[in-house]
Amino acid sequence: MEPVSAALLLALATGAAGAAGGQSWQGLVALVRRWRGQESPSGVVEPVSAEAELTSLEQDPADERRAQILSVALAARAGRDAGFAAALEAWHRQAQQVVPNTGAGSVSTNISGGSQGNVVTARDVTGGLHFGLPASPPSPPERPGGSGS
């Protein structure tokens, strides 16, 4: 199974993916909380949880480090619990439909020849981009009759 990317988790946790993303996030919350642990061969239930990491990201949904930690915890939990892995994979496929272009990938730029102006290379930009200086405010209209004395 492909790991759940931190970018996808951030998009869902911050609400950047809109209402459908919010529903997808709630699906992950329910999934993590529903699967509490796995019984070991000795009959002891071993906690295999990403619940603490999920709660941590909910407390600070824009923290990329917390999103990465949750991604690792989900992968570890899926590696130890086949039922959770199957449920997580199904959730992940659905979430990728809601928030496309947040999986693994790269961006590159190749510039050659002549003098170049500003160049920006980006991937998965959330929010606006602005290039250059802000526009000058409009000049006040002139008063009829001269210099305004």
Protein backbone atom coordinates (compact mmCIF):
# COMPACT_ATOMS: atom_id res chain seq x y z
CA MET A 1 0.00 0.00 0.00
CA GLU A 2 1.17 3.50 -0.86
CA PRO A 3 1.71 5.59 2.31
CA VAL A 4 -0.81 8.33 3.01
CA SER A 5 1.04 11.54 2.12
CA ALA A 6 1.48 14.34 4.61
CA ALA A 7 0.21 16.73 1.91
CA LEU A 8 -3.08 14.83 1.70
CA LEU A 9 -3.43 14.76 5.48
CA LEU A 10 -2.75 18.51 5.66
CA ALA A 11 -5.28 19.30 2.94
CA LEU A 12 -7.95 17.31 4.76
CA ALA A 13 -7.08 18.45 8.29
CA THR A 14 -6.96 22.17 7.43
CA GLY A 15 -10.21 22.13 5.49
CA ALA A 16 -8.45 23.18 2.28
CA ALA A 17 -10.30 20.40 0.45
CA GLY A 18 -13.76 21.83 1.18
CA ALA A 19 -16.81 19.92 2.41
CA ALA A 20 -15.88 16.67 0.67
CA GLY A 21 -12.45 16.86 2.27
CA GLY A 22 -14.05 17.39 5.66
CA GLN A 23 -16.13 14.26 5.17
CA SER A 24 -13.02 12.36 4.12
CA TRP A 25 -11.17 13.59 7.23
CA GLN A 26 -14.06 12.43 9.43
CA GLY A 27 -13.84 9.05 7.69
CA LEU A 28 -10.19 8.76 8.70
CA VAL A 29 -10.99 9.79 12.27
CA ALA A 30 -13.70 7.12 12.47
CA LEU A 31 -11.41 4.50 10.92
CA VAL A 32 -8.56 5.16 13.34
CA ARG A 33 -10.84 5.19 16.38
CA ARG A 34 -12.81 2.11 15.31
CA TRP A 35 -9.74 -0.17 15.06
CA ARG A 36 -8.42 -0.15 18.63
CA GLY A 37 -5.74 -2.82 18.58
CA GLN A 38 -4.63 -6.24 17.46
CA GLU A 39 -4.59 -9.46 19.44
CA SER A 40 -1.13 -11.02 19.63
CA PRO A 41 -0.53 -14.81 19.41
CA SER A 42 -0.39 -14.86 23.23
CA GLY A 43 -3.93 -13.44 23.39
CA VAL A 44 -2.85 -10.00 24.62
CA VAL A 45 -4.27 -7.03 22.77
CA GLU A 46 -1.37 -4.95 21.56
CA PRO A 47 -2.15 -1.29 20.97
CA VAL A 48 -1.53 -0.51 17.33
CA SER A 49 -2.88 2.99 17.20
CA ALA A 50 -2.39 6.22 15.36
CA GLU A 51 -4.98 7.90 17.56
CA ALA A 52 -2.53 10.10 19.49
CA GLU A 53 -0.94 11.28 16.23
CA LEU A 54 -4.38 11.95 14.73
CA THR A 55 -5.41 13.99 17.79
CA SER A 56 -2.12 15.91 17.61
CA LEU A 57 -2.77 16.92 14.00
CA GLU A 58 -6.35 17.88 14.85
CA GLN A 59 -4.96 20.28 17.48
CA ASP A 60 -2.65 21.97 14.95
CA PRO A 61 -3.94 21.02 11.49
CA ALA A 62 -1.40 23.12 9.57
CA ASP A 63 1.67 21.50 11.19
CA GLU A 64 3.46 19.55 8.46
CA ARG A 65 5.63 17.70 10.99
CA ARG A 66 2.51 16.38 12.77
CA ALA A 67 1.04 15.31 9.43
CA GLN A 68 4.24 13.40 8.60
CA ILE A 69 4.19 11.70 12.01
CA LEU A 70 0.57 10.66 11.45
CA SER A 71 1.50 9.29 8.01
CA VAL A 72 4.24 7.13 9.56
CA ALA A 73 1.91 5.95 12.36
CA LEU A 74 -0.78 4.96 9.85
CA ALA A 75 1.78 2.98 7.83
CA ALA A 76 3.08 1.23 10.96
CA ARG A 77 -0.43 0.35 12.05
CA ALA A 78 -1.32 -0.95 8.59
CA GLY A 79 1.85 -3.06 8.61
CA ARG A 80 0.75 -4.83 11.80
CA ASP A 81 -3.00 -5.18 11.14
CA ALA A 82 -4.22 -6.54 7.80
CA GLY A 83 -7.83 -5.53 8.48
CA PHE A 84 -6.83 -1.97 9.24
CA ALA A 85 -4.56 -1.95 6.17
CA ALA A 86 -7.44 -2.94 3.89
CA ALA A 87 -9.78 -0.34 5.40
CA LEU A 88 -7.08 2.34 5.23
CA GLU A 89 -6.34 1.54 1.59
CA ALA A 90 -10.03 1.87 0.67
CA TRP A 91 -10.22 5.19 2.55
CA HIS A 92 -7.00 6.38 0.88
CA ARG A 93 -8.30 5.70 -2.64
CA GLN A 94 -11.45 7.72 -1.85
CA ALA A 95 -9.46 10.56 -0.27
CA GLN A 96 -7.19 10.81 -3.31
CA GLN A 97 -10.28 11.36 -5.46
CA VAL A 98 -11.36 14.23 -3.19
CA VAL A 99 -7.89 15.82 -3.10
CA PRO A 100 -6.03 14.96 -6.30
CA ASN A 101 -2.32 15.66 -6.81
CA THR A 102 -1.19 15.21 -3.21
CA GLY A 103 0.55 11.89 -3.66
CA ALA A 104 4.18 11.26 -4.37
CA GLY A 105 5.59 13.31 -7.18
CA SER A 106 8.19 15.82 -8.12
CA VAL A 107 8.52 19.13 -9.83
CA SER A 108 11.49 20.27 -11.89
CA THR A 109 12.44 23.31 -13.90
CA ASN A 110 14.92 23.54 -16.75
CA ILE A 111 15.88 27.05 -17.88
CA SER A 112 18.43 27.65 -20.60
CA GLY A 113 19.70 30.49 -22.72
CA GLY A 114 19.59 34.25 -22.27
CA SER A 115 18.76 36.32 -19.27
CA GLN A 116 15.80 35.14 -17.23
CA GLY A 117 13.40 36.95 -14.96
CA ASN A 118 11.86 35.54 -11.83
CA VAL A 119 11.12 31.82 -11.86
CA VAL A 120 8.93 29.88 -9.45
CA THR A 121 8.65 26.12 -9.35
CA ALA A 122 5.88 24.82 -7.13
CA ARG A 123 3.67 21.82 -6.49
CA ASP A 124 0.44 21.53 -4.50
CA VAL A 125 0.02 25.24 -3.85
CA THR A 126 -2.84 26.06 -1.51
CA GLY A 127 -3.95 29.69 -1.53
CA GLY A 128 -3.01 32.54 -3.79
CA LEU A 129 0.24 33.50 -5.43
CA HIS A 130 1.35 37.08 -6.04
CA PHE A 131 4.18 38.19 -8.31
CA GLY A 132 5.66 41.66 -8.33
CA LEU A 133 4.86 44.81 -6.43
CA PRO A 134 1.32 45.64 -5.41
CA ALA A 135 -0.52 47.93 -7.81
CA SER A 136 -0.32 51.63 -7.05
CA PRO A 137 -3.49 53.08 -5.61
CA PRO A 138 -5.47 55.11 -8.10
CA SER A 139 -4.80 58.83 -8.20
CA PRO A 140 -7.50 60.94 -6.60
CA PRO A 141 -9.79 62.61 -9.13
CA GLU A 142 -8.88 66.20 -9.98
CA ARG A 143 -11.18 68.90 -8.75
CA PRO A 144 -12.83 71.03 -11.36
CA GLY A 145 -11.40 74.49 -11.61
CA GLY A 146 -7.72 74.11 -11.18
CA SER A 147 -5.12 73.28 -8.61
CA GLY A 148 -7.43 72.77 -5.70
CA SER A 149 -6.67 76.03 -3.84
